[in-house]
PDB file of N, CA and C in Angstrom:
ATOM      1  N   MET A   1       0.828  -1.175   0.000  1.00  0.00           N
ATOM      2  CA  MET A   1       0.000   0.000   0.000  1.00  0.00           C
ATOM      3  C   MET A   1       0.884   1.255   0.000  1.00  0.00           C
ATOM      4  N   VAL A   2       0.741   2.026  -1.009  1.00  0.00           N
ATOM      5  CA  VAL A   2       1.535   3.234  -1.159  1.00  0.00           C
ATOM      6  C   VAL A   2       1.171   4.255  -0.092  1.00  0.00           C
ATOM      7  N   ASN A   3      -0.106   4.371   0.226  1.00  0.00           N
ATOM      8  CA  ASN A   3      -0.546   5.359   1.208  1.00  0.00           C
ATOM      9  C   ASN A   3       0.048   5.090   2.587  1.00  0.00           C
ATOM     10  N   VAL A   4       0.164   3.828   2.968  1.00  0.00           N
ATOM     11  CA  VAL A   4       0.710   3.489   4.277  1.00  0.00           C
ATOM     12  C   VAL A   4       2.181   3.882   4.336  1.00  0.00           C
ATOM     13  N   ASP A   5       2.939   3.550   3.283  1.00  0.00           N
ATOM     14  CA  ASP A   5       4.353   3.900   3.271  1.00  0.00           C
ATOM     15  C   ASP A   5       4.546   5.410   3.323  1.00  0.00           C
ATOM     16  N   LYS A   6       3.717   6.140   2.568  1.00  0.00           N
ATOM     17  CA  LYS A   6       3.819   7.597   2.570  1.00  0.00           C
ATOM     18  C   LYS A   6       3.490   8.150   3.955  1.00  0.00           C
ATOM     19  N   TYR A   7       2.450   7.611   4.585  1.00  0.00           N
ATOM     20  CA  TYR A   7       2.057   8.066   5.912  1.00  0.00           C
ATOM     21  C   TYR A   7       3.148   7.754   6.936  1.00  0.00           C
ATOM     22  N   LEU A   8       3.706   6.542   6.865  1.00  0.00           N
ATOM     23  CA  LEU A   8       4.739   6.159   7.819  1.00  0.00           C
ATOM     24  C   LEU A   8       5.991   6.999   7.645  1.00  0.00           C
ATOM     25  N   THR A   9       6.336   7.302   6.418  1.00  0.00           N
ATOM     26  CA  THR A   9       7.477   8.172   6.176  1.00  0.00           C
ATOM     27  C   THR A   9       7.220   9.549   6.767  1.00  0.00           C
ATOM     28  N   HIS A  10       5.992  10.022   6.612  1.00  0.00           N
ATOM     29  CA  HIS A  10       5.631  11.335   7.135  1.00  0.00           C
ATOM     30  C   HIS A  10       5.725  11.389   8.658  1.00  0.00           C
ATOM     31  N   ILE A  11       5.205  10.355   9.337  1.00  0.00           N
ATOM     32  CA  ILE A  11       5.189  10.417  10.796  1.00  0.00           C
ATOM     33  C   ILE A  11       6.560  10.162  11.402  1.00  0.00           C
ATOM     34  N   GLN A  12       7.493   9.620  10.617  1.00  0.00           N
ATOM     35  CA  GLN A  12       8.826   9.398  11.141  1.00  0.00           C
ATOM     36  C   GLN A  12       9.733  10.613  10.942  1.00  0.00           C
ATOM     37  N   GLU A  13       9.264  11.582  10.202  1.00  0.00           N
ATOM     38  CA  GLU A  13      10.064  12.776   9.983  1.00  0.00           C
ATOM     39  C   GLU A  13      10.081  13.631  11.247  1.00  0.00           C
ATOM     40  N   ILE A  14      11.006  14.551  11.284  1.00  0.00           N
ATOM     41  CA  ILE A  14      11.125  15.431  12.448  1.00  0.00           C
ATOM     42  C   ILE A  14      10.012  16.473  12.411  1.00  0.00           C
ATOM     43  N   ASP A  15       9.365  16.641  13.541  1.00  0.00           N
ATOM     44  CA  ASP A  15       8.293  17.625  13.672  1.00  0.00           C
ATOM     45  C   ASP A  15       8.921  19.018  13.692  1.00  0.00           C
ATOM     46  N   PRO A  16       8.572  19.903  12.736  1.00  0.00           N
ATOM     47  CA  PRO A  16       9.217  21.212  12.671  1.00  0.00           C
ATOM     48  C   PRO A  16       8.876  22.137  13.845  1.00  0.00           C
ATOM     49  N   ILE A  17       7.731  21.920  14.473  1.00  0.00           N
ATOM     50  CA  ILE A  17       7.322  22.814  15.560  1.00  0.00           C
ATOM     51  C   ILE A  17       8.121  22.530  16.826  1.00  0.00           C
ATOM     52  N   THR A  18       8.184  21.261  17.229  1.00  0.00           N
ATOM     53  CA  THR A  18       8.866  20.932  18.471  1.00  0.00           C
ATOM     54  C   THR A  18      10.306  20.505  18.256  1.00  0.00           C
ATOM     55  N   GLY A  19      10.652  20.120  17.038  1.00  0.00           N
ATOM     56  CA  GLY A  19      12.014  19.674  16.761  1.00  0.00           C
ATOM     57  C   GLY A  19      12.303  18.291  17.299  1.00  0.00           C
ATOM     58  N   THR A  20      11.251  17.524  17.597  1.00  0.00           N
ATOM     59  CA  THR A  20      11.447  16.177  18.123  1.00  0.00           C
ATOM     60  C   THR A  20      11.070  15.147  17.070  1.00  0.00           C
ATOM     61  N   MET A  21      11.548  13.970  17.277  1.00  0.00           N
ATOM     62  CA  MET A  21      11.244  12.877  16.364  1.00  0.00           C
ATOM     63  C   MET A  21       9.907  12.268  16.754  1.00  0.00           C
ATOM     64  N   ILE A  22       9.028  12.112  15.811  1.00  0.00           N
ATOM     65  CA  ILE A  22       7.737  11.468  16.069  1.00  0.00           C
ATOM     66  C   ILE A  22       7.972   9.962  16.035  1.00  0.00           C
ATOM     67  N   VAL A  23       7.558   9.267  17.071  1.00  0.00           N
ATOM     68  CA  VAL A  23       7.839   7.852  17.211  1.00  0.00           C
ATOM     69  C   VAL A  23       6.742   7.025  16.545  1.00  0.00           C
ATOM     70  N   LEU A  24       7.170   6.061  15.785  1.00  0.00           N
ATOM     71  CA  LEU A  24       6.261   5.124  15.147  1.00  0.00           C
ATOM     72  C   LEU A  24       5.737   4.169  16.214  1.00  0.00           C
ATOM     73  N   SER A  25       4.429   3.958  16.246  1.00  0.00           N
ATOM     74  CA  SER A  25       3.859   3.064  17.246  1.00  0.00           C
ATOM     75  C   SER A  25       2.717   2.265  16.642  1.00  0.00           C
ATOM     76  N   ALA A  26       2.268   1.273  17.393  1.00  0.00           N
ATOM     77  CA  ALA A  26       1.154   0.449  16.941  1.00  0.00           C
ATOM     78  C   ALA A  26      -0.097   1.297  16.785  1.00  0.00           C
ATOM     79  N   ALA A  27      -0.287   2.231  17.681  1.00  0.00           N
ATOM     80  CA  ALA A  27      -1.472   3.093  17.611  1.00  0.00           C
ATOM     81  C   ALA A  27      -1.489   3.898  16.315  1.00  0.00           C
ATOM     82  N   SER A  28      -0.343   4.425  15.920  1.00  0.00           N
ATOM     83  CA  SER A  28      -0.307   5.212  14.680  1.00  0.00           C
ATOM     84  C   SER A  28      -0.563   4.330  13.461  1.00  0.00           C
ATOM     85  N   LEU A  29      -0.104   3.079  13.509  1.00  0.00           N
ATOM     86  CA  LEU A  29      -0.361   2.153  12.404  1.00  0.00           C
ATOM     87  C   LEU A  29      -1.847   1.793  12.331  1.00  0.00           C
ATOM     88  N   ILE A  30      -2.464   1.606  13.484  1.00  0.00           N
ATOM     89  CA  ILE A  30      -3.895   1.279  13.521  1.00  0.00           C
ATOM     90  C   ILE A  30      -4.719   2.467  13.046  1.00  0.00           C
ATOM     91  N   VAL A  31      -4.351   3.663  13.469  1.00  0.00           N
ATOM     92  CA  VAL A  31      -5.058   4.870  13.031  1.00  0.00           C
ATOM     93  C   VAL A  31      -4.927   5.026  11.516  1.00  0.00           C
ATOM     94  N   SER A  32      -3.757   4.764  10.994  1.00  0.00           N
ATOM     95  CA  SER A  32      -3.534   4.858   9.550  1.00  0.00           C
ATOM     96  C   SER A  32      -4.430   3.873   8.797  1.00  0.00           C
ATOM     97  N   ALA A  33      -4.503   2.637   9.286  1.00  0.00           N
ATOM     98  CA  ALA A  33      -5.342   1.622   8.643  1.00  0.00           C
ATOM     99  C   ALA A  33      -6.820   1.992   8.725  1.00  0.00           C
ATOM    100  N   THR A  34      -7.234   2.524   9.869  1.00  0.00           N
ATOM    101  CA  THR A  34      -8.629   2.934  10.038  1.00  0.00           C
ATOM    102  C   THR A  34      -8.980   4.091   9.110  1.00  0.00           C
ATOM    103  N   ASN A  35      -8.051   5.023   8.953  1.00  0.00           N
ATOM    104  CA  ASN A  35      -8.289   6.132   8.024  1.00  0.00           C
ATOM    105  C   ASN A  35      -8.404   5.637   6.591  1.00  0.00           C
ATOM    106  N   MET A  36      -7.614   4.648   6.229  1.00  0.00           N
ATOM    107  CA  MET A  36      -7.709   4.075   4.884  1.00  0.00           C
ATOM    108  C   MET A  36      -9.068   3.406   4.690  1.00  0.00           C
ATOM    109  N   TYR A  37      -9.552   2.709   5.734  1.00  0.00           N
ATOM    110  CA  TYR A  37     -10.881   2.093   5.670  1.00  0.00           C
ATOM    111  C   TYR A  37     -11.948   3.158   5.432  1.00  0.00           C
ATOM    112  N   LYS A  38     -11.877   4.246   6.189  1.00  0.00           N
ATOM    113  CA  LYS A  38     -12.875   5.307   6.059  1.00  0.00           C
ATOM    114  C   LYS A  38     -12.863   5.918   4.662  1.00  0.00           C
ATOM    115  N   GLN A  39     -11.667   6.142   4.116  1.00  0.00           N
ATOM    116  CA  GLN A  39     -11.564   6.721   2.775  1.00  0.00           C
ATOM    117  C   GLN A  39     -12.170   5.793   1.726  1.00  0.00           C
ATOM    118  N   HIS A  40     -11.833   4.508   1.793  1.00  0.00           N
ATOM    119  CA  HIS A  40     -12.340   3.567   0.796  1.00  0.00           C
ATOM    120  C   HIS A  40     -13.838   3.338   0.951  1.00  0.00           C
ATOM    121  N   PHE A  41     -14.332   3.319   2.184  1.00  0.00           N
ATOM    122  CA  PHE A  41     -15.762   3.133   2.377  1.00  0.00           C
ATOM    123  C   PHE A  41     -16.543   4.342   1.868  1.00  0.00           C
ATOM    124  N   THR A  42     -16.021   5.528   2.088  1.00  0.00           N
ATOM    125  CA  THR A  42     -16.675   6.741   1.596  1.00  0.00           C
ATOM    126  C   THR A  42     -16.749   6.735   0.074  1.00  0.00           C
ATOM    127  N   LYS A  43     -15.647   6.381  -0.570  1.00  0.00           N
ATOM    128  CA  LYS A  43     -15.637   6.315  -2.034  1.00  0.00           C
ATOM    129  C   LYS A  43     -16.623   5.268  -2.538  1.00  0.00           C
ATOM    130  N   GLY A  44     -16.633   4.109  -1.890  1.00  0.00           N
ATOM    131  CA  GLY A  44     -17.541   3.042  -2.310  1.00  0.00           C
ATOM    132  C   GLY A  44     -18.996   3.387  -2.075  1.00  0.00           C
ATOM    133  N   SER A  45     -19.297   4.037  -0.967  1.00  0.00           N
ATOM    134  CA  SER A  45     -20.695   4.363  -0.662  1.00  0.00           C
ATOM    135  C   SER A  45     -21.227   5.453  -1.597  1.00  0.00           C
ATOM    136  N   ARG A  46     -20.358   6.322  -2.074  1.00  0.00           N
ATOM    137  CA  ARG A  46     -20.809   7.333  -3.037  1.00  0.00           C
ATOM    138  C   ARG A  46     -21.291   6.694  -4.333  1.00  0.00           C
ATOM    139  N   GLN A  47     -20.673   5.595  -4.713  1.00  0.00           N
ATOM    140  CA  GLN A  47     -21.081   4.908  -5.931  1.00  0.00           C
ATOM    141  C   GLN A  47     -22.442   4.243  -5.774  1.00  0.00           C
ATOM    142  N   CYS A  48     -22.855   4.016  -4.539  1.00  0.00           N
ATOM    143  CA  CYS A  48     -24.127   3.345  -4.265  1.00  0.00           C
ATOM    144  C   CYS A  48     -25.299   4.320  -4.172  1.00  0.00           C
ATOM    145  N   SER A  49     -25.041   5.600  -4.147  1.00  0.00           N
ATOM    146  CA  SER A  49     -26.086   6.579  -3.843  1.00  0.00           C
ATOM    147  C   SER A  49     -27.198   6.645  -4.887  1.00  0.00           C
ATOM    148  N   ASP A  50     -26.919   6.321  -6.120  1.00  0.00           N
ATOM    149  CA  ASP A  50     -27.933   6.433  -7.166  1.00  0.00           C
ATOM    150  C   ASP A  50     -28.757   5.170  -7.364  1.00  0.00           C
ATOM    151  N   LEU A  51     -28.469   4.132  -6.617  1.00  0.00           N
ATOM    152  CA  LEU A  51     -29.160   2.859  -6.799  1.00  0.00           C
ATOM    153  C   LEU A  51     -30.465   2.814  -6.010  1.00  0.00           C
ATOM    154  N   ALA A  52     -31.331   1.875  -6.389  1.00  0.00           N
ATOM    155  CA  ALA A  52     -32.589   1.665  -5.666  1.00  0.00           C
ATOM    156  C   ALA A  52     -32.287   1.027  -4.304  1.00  0.00           C
ATOM    157  N   ASP A  53     -33.292   0.949  -3.446  1.00  0.00           N
ATOM    158  CA  ASP A  53     -33.096   0.531  -2.063  1.00  0.00           C
ATOM    159  C   ASP A  53     -32.389  -0.815  -1.899  1.00  0.00           C
ATOM    160  N   LYS A  54     -32.901  -1.862  -2.557  1.00  0.00           N
ATOM    161  CA  LYS A  54     -32.317  -3.188  -2.379  1.00  0.00           C
ATOM    162  C   LYS A  54     -30.912  -3.270  -2.963  1.00  0.00           C
ATOM    163  N   GLU A  55     -30.745  -2.690  -4.128  1.00  0.00           N
ATOM    164  CA  GLU A  55     -29.410  -2.695  -4.733  1.00  0.00           C
ATOM    165  C   GLU A  55     -28.438  -1.840  -3.920  1.00  0.00           C
ATOM    166  N   ARG A  56     -28.954  -0.754  -3.347  1.00  0.00           N
ATOM    167  CA  ARG A  56     -28.110   0.121  -2.536  1.00  0.00           C
ATOM    168  C   ARG A  56     -27.605  -0.615  -1.296  1.00  0.00           C
ATOM    169  N   SER A  57     -28.470  -1.364  -0.649  1.00  0.00           N
ATOM    170  CA  SER A  57     -28.034  -2.084   0.550  1.00  0.00           C
ATOM    171  C   SER A  57     -26.979  -3.135   0.199  1.00  0.00           C
ATOM    172  N   LEU A  58     -27.145  -3.822  -0.932  1.00  0.00           N
ATOM    173  CA  LEU A  58     -26.122  -4.773  -1.383  1.00  0.00           C
ATOM    174  C   LEU A  58     -24.811  -4.064  -1.702  1.00  0.00           C
ATOM    175  N   CYS A  59     -24.933  -2.954  -2.380  1.00  0.00           N
ATOM    176  CA  CYS A  59     -23.756  -2.180  -2.755  1.00  0.00           C
ATOM    177  C   CYS A  59     -23.013  -1.672  -1.517  1.00  0.00           C
ATOM    178  N   MET A  60     -23.752  -1.224  -0.520  1.00  0.00           N
ATOM    179  CA  MET A  60     -23.134  -0.716   0.702  1.00  0.00           C
ATOM    180  C   MET A  60     -22.413  -1.838   1.466  1.00  0.00           C
ATOM    181  N   LEU A  61     -23.032  -3.013   1.521  1.00  0.00           N
ATOM    182  CA  LEU A  61     -22.374  -4.143   2.178  1.00  0.00           C
ATOM    183  C   LEU A  61     -21.089  -4.523   1.442  1.00  0.00           C
ATOM    184  N   ARG A  62     -21.159  -4.524   0.123  1.00  0.00           N
ATOM    185  CA  ARG A  62     -19.979  -4.846  -0.679  1.00  0.00           C
ATOM    186  C   ARG A  62     -18.883  -3.796  -0.470  1.00  0.00           C
ATOM    187  N   ALA A  63     -19.279  -2.525  -0.460  1.00  0.00           N
ATOM    188  CA  ALA A  63     -18.308  -1.444  -0.263  1.00  0.00           C
ATOM    189  C   ALA A  63     -17.658  -1.535   1.117  1.00  0.00           C
ATOM    190  N   LYS A  64     -18.452  -1.852   2.120  1.00  0.00           N
ATOM    191  CA  LYS A  64     -17.919  -1.959   3.477  1.00  0.00           C
ATOM    192  C   LYS A  64     -16.948  -3.144   3.584  1.00  0.00           C
ATOM    193  N   ALA A  65     -17.307  -4.269   2.962  1.00  0.00           N
ATOM    194  CA  ALA A  65     -16.423  -5.441   2.997  1.00  0.00           C
ATOM    195  C   ALA A  65     -15.103  -5.159   2.269  1.00  0.00           C
ATOM    196  N   LEU A  66     -15.186  -4.498   1.131  1.00  0.00           N
ATOM    197  CA  LEU A  66     -13.967  -4.164   0.392  1.00  0.00           C
ATOM    198  C   LEU A  66     -13.098  -3.184   1.181  1.00  0.00           C
ATOM    199  N   ALA A  67     -13.720  -2.224   1.844  1.00  0.00           N
ATOM    200  CA  ALA A  67     -12.968  -1.265   2.654  1.00  0.00           C
ATOM    201  C   ALA A  67     -12.307  -1.969   3.842  1.00  0.00           C
ATOM    202  N   LYS A  68     -12.986  -2.941   4.428  1.00  0.00           N
ATOM    203  CA  LYS A  68     -12.398  -3.708   5.537  1.00  0.00           C
ATOM    204  C   LYS A  68     -11.208  -4.531   5.044  1.00  0.00           C
ATOM    205  N   LYS A  69     -11.286  -5.032   3.806  1.00  0.00           N
ATOM    206  CA  LYS A  69     -10.154  -5.769   3.244  1.00  0.00           C
ATOM    207  C   LYS A  69      -8.953  -4.849   3.061  1.00  0.00           C
ATOM    208  N   VAL A  70      -9.202  -3.607   2.667  1.00  0.00           N
ATOM    209  CA  VAL A  70      -8.118  -2.629   2.550  1.00  0.00           C
ATOM    210  C   VAL A  70      -7.510  -2.365   3.922  1.00  0.00           C
ATOM    211  N   GLU A  71      -8.358  -2.252   4.935  1.00  0.00           N
ATOM    212  CA  GLU A  71      -7.867  -2.031   6.296  1.00  0.00           C
ATOM    213  C   GLU A  71      -7.013  -3.217   6.754  1.00  0.00           C
ATOM    214  N   ALA A  72      -7.470  -4.438   6.460  1.00  0.00           N
ATOM    215  CA  ALA A  72      -6.707  -5.627   6.847  1.00  0.00           C
ATOM    216  C   ALA A  72      -5.345  -5.661   6.142  1.00  0.00           C
ATOM    217  N   ALA A  73      -5.327  -5.279   4.867  1.00  0.00           N
ATOM    218  CA  ALA A  73      -4.060  -5.242   4.132  1.00  0.00           C
ATOM    219  C   ALA A  73      -3.113  -4.197   4.720  1.00  0.00           C
ATOM    220  N   ALA A  74      -3.656  -3.059   5.110  1.00  0.00           N
ATOM    221  CA  ALA A  74      -2.829  -2.007   5.721  1.00  0.00           C
ATOM    222  C   ALA A  74      -2.275  -2.472   7.063  1.00  0.00           C
ATOM    223  N   LEU A  75      -3.077  -3.185   7.830  1.00  0.00           N
ATOM    224  CA  LEU A  75      -2.598  -3.719   9.102  1.00  0.00           C
ATOM    225  C   LEU A  75      -1.510  -4.768   8.882  1.00  0.00           C
ATOM    226  N   LYS A  76      -1.692  -5.581   7.850  1.00  0.00           N
ATOM    227  CA  LYS A  76      -0.689  -6.596   7.527  1.00  0.00           C
ATOM    228  C   LYS A  76       0.631  -5.937   7.140  1.00  0.00           C
ATOM    229  N   ASP A  77       0.559  -4.863   6.361  1.00  0.00           N
ATOM    230  CA  ASP A  77       1.761  -4.108   6.023  1.00  0.00           C
ATOM    231  C   ASP A  77       2.369  -3.470   7.273  1.00  0.00           C
ATOM    232  N   GLY A  78       1.516  -3.055   8.191  1.00  0.00           N
ATOM    233  CA  GLY A  78       1.970  -2.420   9.419  1.00  0.00           C
ATOM    234  C   GLY A  78       2.747  -3.367  10.317  1.00  0.00           C
ATOM    235  N   VAL A  79       2.400  -4.664  10.273  1.00  0.00           N
ATOM    236  CA  VAL A  79       3.115  -5.646  11.086  1.00  0.00           C
ATOM    237  C   VAL A  79       4.591  -5.669  10.686  1.00  0.00           C
ATOM    238  N   ASN A  80       4.858  -5.531   9.396  1.00  0.00           N
ATOM    239  CA  ASN A  80       6.249  -5.496   8.929  1.00  0.00           C
ATOM    240  C   ASN A  80       6.970  -4.240   9.408  1.00  0.00           C
ATOM    241  N   LYS A  81       6.232  -3.168   9.627  1.00  0.00           N
ATOM    242  CA  LYS A  81       6.825  -1.906  10.076  1.00  0.00           C
ATOM    243  C   LYS A  81       7.089  -1.901  11.581  1.00  0.00           C
ATOM    244  N   CYS A  82       6.574  -2.879  12.302  1.00  0.00           N
ATOM    245  CA  CYS A  82       6.732  -2.915  13.758  1.00  0.00           C
ATOM    246  C   CYS A  82       8.185  -3.059  14.190  1.00  0.00           C
ATOM    247  N   ASN A  83       9.041  -3.562  13.328  1.00  0.00           N
ATOM    248  CA  ASN A  83      10.453  -3.715  13.699  1.00  0.00           C
ATOM    249  C   ASN A  83      11.120  -2.377  13.972  1.00  0.00           C
ATOM    250  N   LYS A  84      10.531  -1.284  13.483  1.00  0.00           N
ATOM    251  CA  LYS A  84      11.103   0.044  13.677  1.00  0.00           C
ATOM    252  C   LYS A  84      10.627   0.712  14.966  1.00  0.00           C
ATOM    253  N   THR A  85       9.779   0.038  15.723  1.00  0.00           N
ATOM    254  CA  THR A  85       9.232   0.628  16.947  1.00  0.00           C
ATOM    255  C   THR A  85      10.126   0.312  18.142  1.00  0.00           C
ATOM    256  N   LYS A  86       9.811   0.933  19.274  1.00  0.00           N
ATOM    257  CA  LYS A  86      10.586   0.687  20.494  1.00  0.00           C
ATOM    258  C   LYS A  86      10.368  -0.734  21.013  1.00  0.00           C
ATOM    259  N   ASN A  87       9.131  -1.223  20.915  1.00  0.00           N
ATOM    260  CA  ASN A  87       8.793  -2.559  21.399  1.00  0.00           C
ATOM    261  C   ASN A  87       8.122  -3.330  20.258  1.00  0.00           C
ATOM    262  N   PRO A  88       8.905  -3.967  19.376  1.00  0.00           N
ATOM    263  CA  PRO A  88       8.338  -4.631  18.201  1.00  0.00           C
ATOM    264  C   PRO A  88       7.353  -5.746  18.539  1.00  0.00           C
ATOM    265  N   GLN A  89       7.626  -6.500  19.601  1.00  0.00           N
ATOM    266  CA  GLN A  89       6.754  -7.618  19.947  1.00  0.00           C
ATOM    267  C   GLN A  89       5.362  -7.135  20.354  1.00  0.00           C
ATOM    268  N   GLN A  90       5.306  -6.097  21.172  1.00  0.00           N
ATOM    269  CA  GLN A  90       4.016  -5.550  21.615  1.00  0.00           C
ATOM    270  C   GLN A  90       3.266  -4.942  20.435  1.00  0.00           C
ATOM    271  N   CYS A  91       3.987  -4.268  19.557  1.00  0.00           N
ATOM    272  CA  CYS A  91       3.382  -3.669  18.371  1.00  0.00           C
ATOM    273  C   CYS A  91       2.736  -4.744  17.504  1.00  0.00           C
ATOM    274  N   LYS A  92       3.474  -5.820  17.239  1.00  0.00           N
ATOM    275  CA  LYS A  92       2.947  -6.916  16.417  1.00  0.00           C
ATOM    276  C   LYS A  92       1.724  -7.547  17.070  1.00  0.00           C
ATOM    277  N   GLN A  93       1.787  -7.716  18.380  1.00  0.00           N
ATOM    278  CA  GLN A  93       0.664  -8.324  19.093  1.00  0.00           C
ATOM    279  C   GLN A  93      -0.601  -7.467  18.960  1.00  0.00           C
ATOM    280  N   LYS A  94      -0.467  -6.158  19.120  1.00  0.00           N
ATOM    281  CA  LYS A  94      -1.623  -5.270  19.012  1.00  0.00           C
ATOM    282  C   LYS A  94      -2.190  -5.289  17.591  1.00  0.00           C
ATOM    283  N   LEU A  95      -1.300  -5.256  16.595  1.00  0.00           N
ATOM    284  CA  LEU A  95      -1.769  -5.260  15.212  1.00  0.00           C
ATOM    285  C   LEU A  95      -2.418  -6.590  14.849  1.00  0.00           C
ATOM    286  N   LEU A  96      -1.876  -7.695  15.336  1.00  0.00           N
ATOM    287  CA  LEU A  96      -2.471  -8.995  15.053  1.00  0.00           C
ATOM    288  C   LEU A  96      -3.844  -9.134  15.701  1.00  0.00           C
ATOM    289  N   MET A  97      -4.010  -8.568  16.909  1.00  0.00           N
ATOM    290  CA  MET A  97      -5.332  -8.577  17.549  1.00  0.00           C
ATOM    291  C   MET A  97      -6.333  -7.786  16.720  1.00  0.00           C
ATOM    292  N   LYS A  98      -5.913  -6.619  16.226  1.00  0.00           N
ATOM    293  CA  LYS A  98      -6.790  -5.790  15.398  1.00  0.00           C
ATOM    294  C   LYS A  98      -7.099  -6.494  14.081  1.00  0.00           C
ATOM    295  N   MET A  99      -6.089  -7.165  13.493  1.00  0.00           N
ATOM    296  CA  MET A  99      -6.308  -7.903  12.245  1.00  0.00           C
ATOM    297  C   MET A  99      -7.328  -9.021  12.448  1.00  0.00           C
ATOM    298  N   LYS A 100      -7.262  -9.693  13.596  1.00  0.00           N
ATOM    299  CA  LYS A 100      -8.211 -10.766  13.895  1.00  0.00           C
ATOM    300  C   LYS A 100      -9.629 -10.208  13.971  1.00  0.00           C
ATOM    301  N   LYS A 101      -9.770  -9.060  14.608  1.00  0.00           N
ATOM    302  CA  LYS A 101     -11.084  -8.424  14.727  1.00  0.00           C
ATOM    303  C   LYS A 101     -11.610  -8.018  13.352  1.00  0.00           C
ATOM    304  N   VAL A 102     -10.755  -7.424  12.534  1.00  0.00           N
ATOM    305  CA  VAL A 102     -11.158  -6.981  11.198  1.00  0.00           C
ATOM    306  C   VAL A 102     -11.509  -8.187  10.315  1.00  0.00           C
ATOM    307  N   SER A 103     -10.764  -9.282  10.449  1.00  0.00           N
ATOM    308  CA  SER A 103     -11.063 -10.490   9.673  1.00  0.00           C
ATOM    309  C   SER A 103     -12.439 -11.049  10.041  1.00  0.00           C
ATOM    310  N   GLY A 104     -12.770 -11.010  11.321  1.00  0.00           N
ATOM    311  CA  GLY A 104     -14.096 -11.437  11.758  1.00  0.00           C
ATOM    312  C   GLY A 104     -15.190 -10.553  11.175  1.00  0.00           C
ATOM    313  N   GLU A 105     -14.930  -9.256  11.129  1.00  0.00           N
ATOM    314  CA  GLU A 105     -15.900  -8.326  10.546  1.00  0.00           C
ATOM    315  C   GLU A 105     -16.073  -8.581   9.056  1.00  0.00           C
ATOM    316  N   ILE A 106     -14.991  -8.903   8.367  1.00  0.00           N
ATOM    317  CA  ILE A 106     -15.064  -9.204   6.933  1.00  0.00           C
ATOM    318  C   ILE A 106     -15.917 -10.442   6.708  1.00  0.00           C
ATOM    319  N   GLY A 107     -15.697 -11.474   7.512  1.00  0.00           N
ATOM    320  CA  GLY A 107     -16.502 -12.694   7.400  1.00  0.00           C
ATOM    321  C   GLY A 107     -17.972 -12.427   7.652  1.00  0.00           C
ATOM    322  N   TYR A 108     -18.260 -11.626   8.666  1.00  0.00           N
ATOM    323  CA  TYR A 108     -19.642 -11.278   8.988  1.00  0.00           C
ATOM    324  C   TYR A 108     -20.298 -10.511   7.836  1.00  0.00           C
ATOM    325  N   LEU A 109     -19.571  -9.537   7.290  1.00  0.00           N
ATOM    326  CA  LEU A 109     -20.117  -8.744   6.180  1.00  0.00           C
ATOM    327  C   LEU A 109     -20.338  -9.602   4.942  1.00  0.00           C
ATOM    328  N   ASN A 110     -19.421 -10.524   4.676  1.00  0.00           N
ATOM    329  CA  ASN A 110     -19.590 -11.407   3.524  1.00  0.00           C
ATOM    330  C   ASN A 110     -20.796 -12.325   3.695  1.00  0.00           C
ATOM    331  N   SER A 111     -21.023 -12.815   4.916  1.00  0.00           N
ATOM    332  CA  SER A 111     -22.194 -13.665   5.146  1.00  0.00           C
ATOM    333  C   SER A 111     -23.489 -12.856   5.027  1.00  0.00           C
ATOM    334  N   ARG A 112     -23.478 -11.621   5.531  1.00  0.00           N
ATOM    335  CA  ARG A 112     -24.658 -10.754   5.378  1.00  0.00           C
ATOM    336  C   ARG A 112     -24.922 -10.457   3.910  1.00  0.00           C
ATOM    337  N   PHE A 113     -23.844 -10.245   3.143  1.00  0.00           N
ATOM    338  CA  PHE A 113     -23.986  -9.953   1.725  1.00  0.00           C
ATOM    339  C   PHE A 113     -24.589 -11.170   1.011  1.00  0.00           C
ATOM    340  N   ALA A 114     -24.119 -12.363   1.329  1.00  0.00           N
ATOM    341  CA  ALA A 114     -24.652 -13.580   0.703  1.00  0.00           C
ATOM    342  C   ALA A 114     -26.128 -13.774   1.056  1.00  0.00           C
ATOM    343  N   ASP A 115     -26.485 -13.526   2.329  1.00  0.00           N
ATOM    344  CA  ASP A 115     -27.892 -13.657   2.731  1.00  0.00           C
ATOM    345  C   ASP A 115     -28.773 -12.616   2.039  1.00  0.00           C
ATOM    346  N   ALA A 116     -28.284 -11.383   1.963  1.00  0.00           N
ATOM    347  CA  ALA A 116     -29.072 -10.328   1.335  1.00  0.00           C
ATOM    348  C   ALA A 116     -29.214 -10.568  -0.170  1.00  0.00           C
ATOM    349  N   LYS A 117     -28.200 -11.145  -0.777  1.00  0.00           N
ATOM    350  CA  LYS A 117     -28.247 -11.424  -2.217  1.00  0.00           C
ATOM    351  C   LYS A 117     -29.264 -12.514  -2.518  1.00  0.00           C
ATOM    352  N   LYS A 118     -29.418 -13.485  -1.607  1.00  0.00           N
ATOM    353  CA  LYS A 118     -30.401 -14.543  -1.789  1.00  0.00           C
ATOM    354  C   LYS A 118     -31.822 -13.985  -1.741  1.00  0.00           C
ATOM    355  N   ARG A 119     -32.024 -12.967  -0.885  1.00  0.00           N
ATOM    356  CA  ARG A 119     -33.364 -12.407  -0.721  1.00  0.00           C
ATOM    357  C   ARG A 119     -33.789 -11.512  -1.881  1.00  0.00           C
ATOM    358  N   VAL A 120     -32.813 -11.012  -2.644  1.00  0.00           N
ATOM    359  CA  VAL A 120     -33.141 -10.087  -3.732  1.00  0.00           C
ATOM    360  C   VAL A 120     -33.577 -10.788  -4.963  1.00  0.00           C
TER     361      VAL A 120
END
């Protein structure tokens, strides 16, 4: 993911106001992944706005699942970046816990999408 690398490079640069180094952490990686999810979900939901009710609900579920997959990919990339943190083991553990939660959400959304598609 290009956006994650760009964001990580940005947060590792020296802050011009305080002159201190911004430390890479698990929290910043999770925030970055969550922001990517929000951006992709917003883009996907805009494409659904012109559809009828039933198609819109299917489209929204699909957009949300795809955005969650982007978030999971960003978290997976973030695990590789944990080696640059102060405590790599704790960072990896936090990201893996978040990845597990996001994977469960993806499975749930996919099952809802399959059920909703059967009803249409």
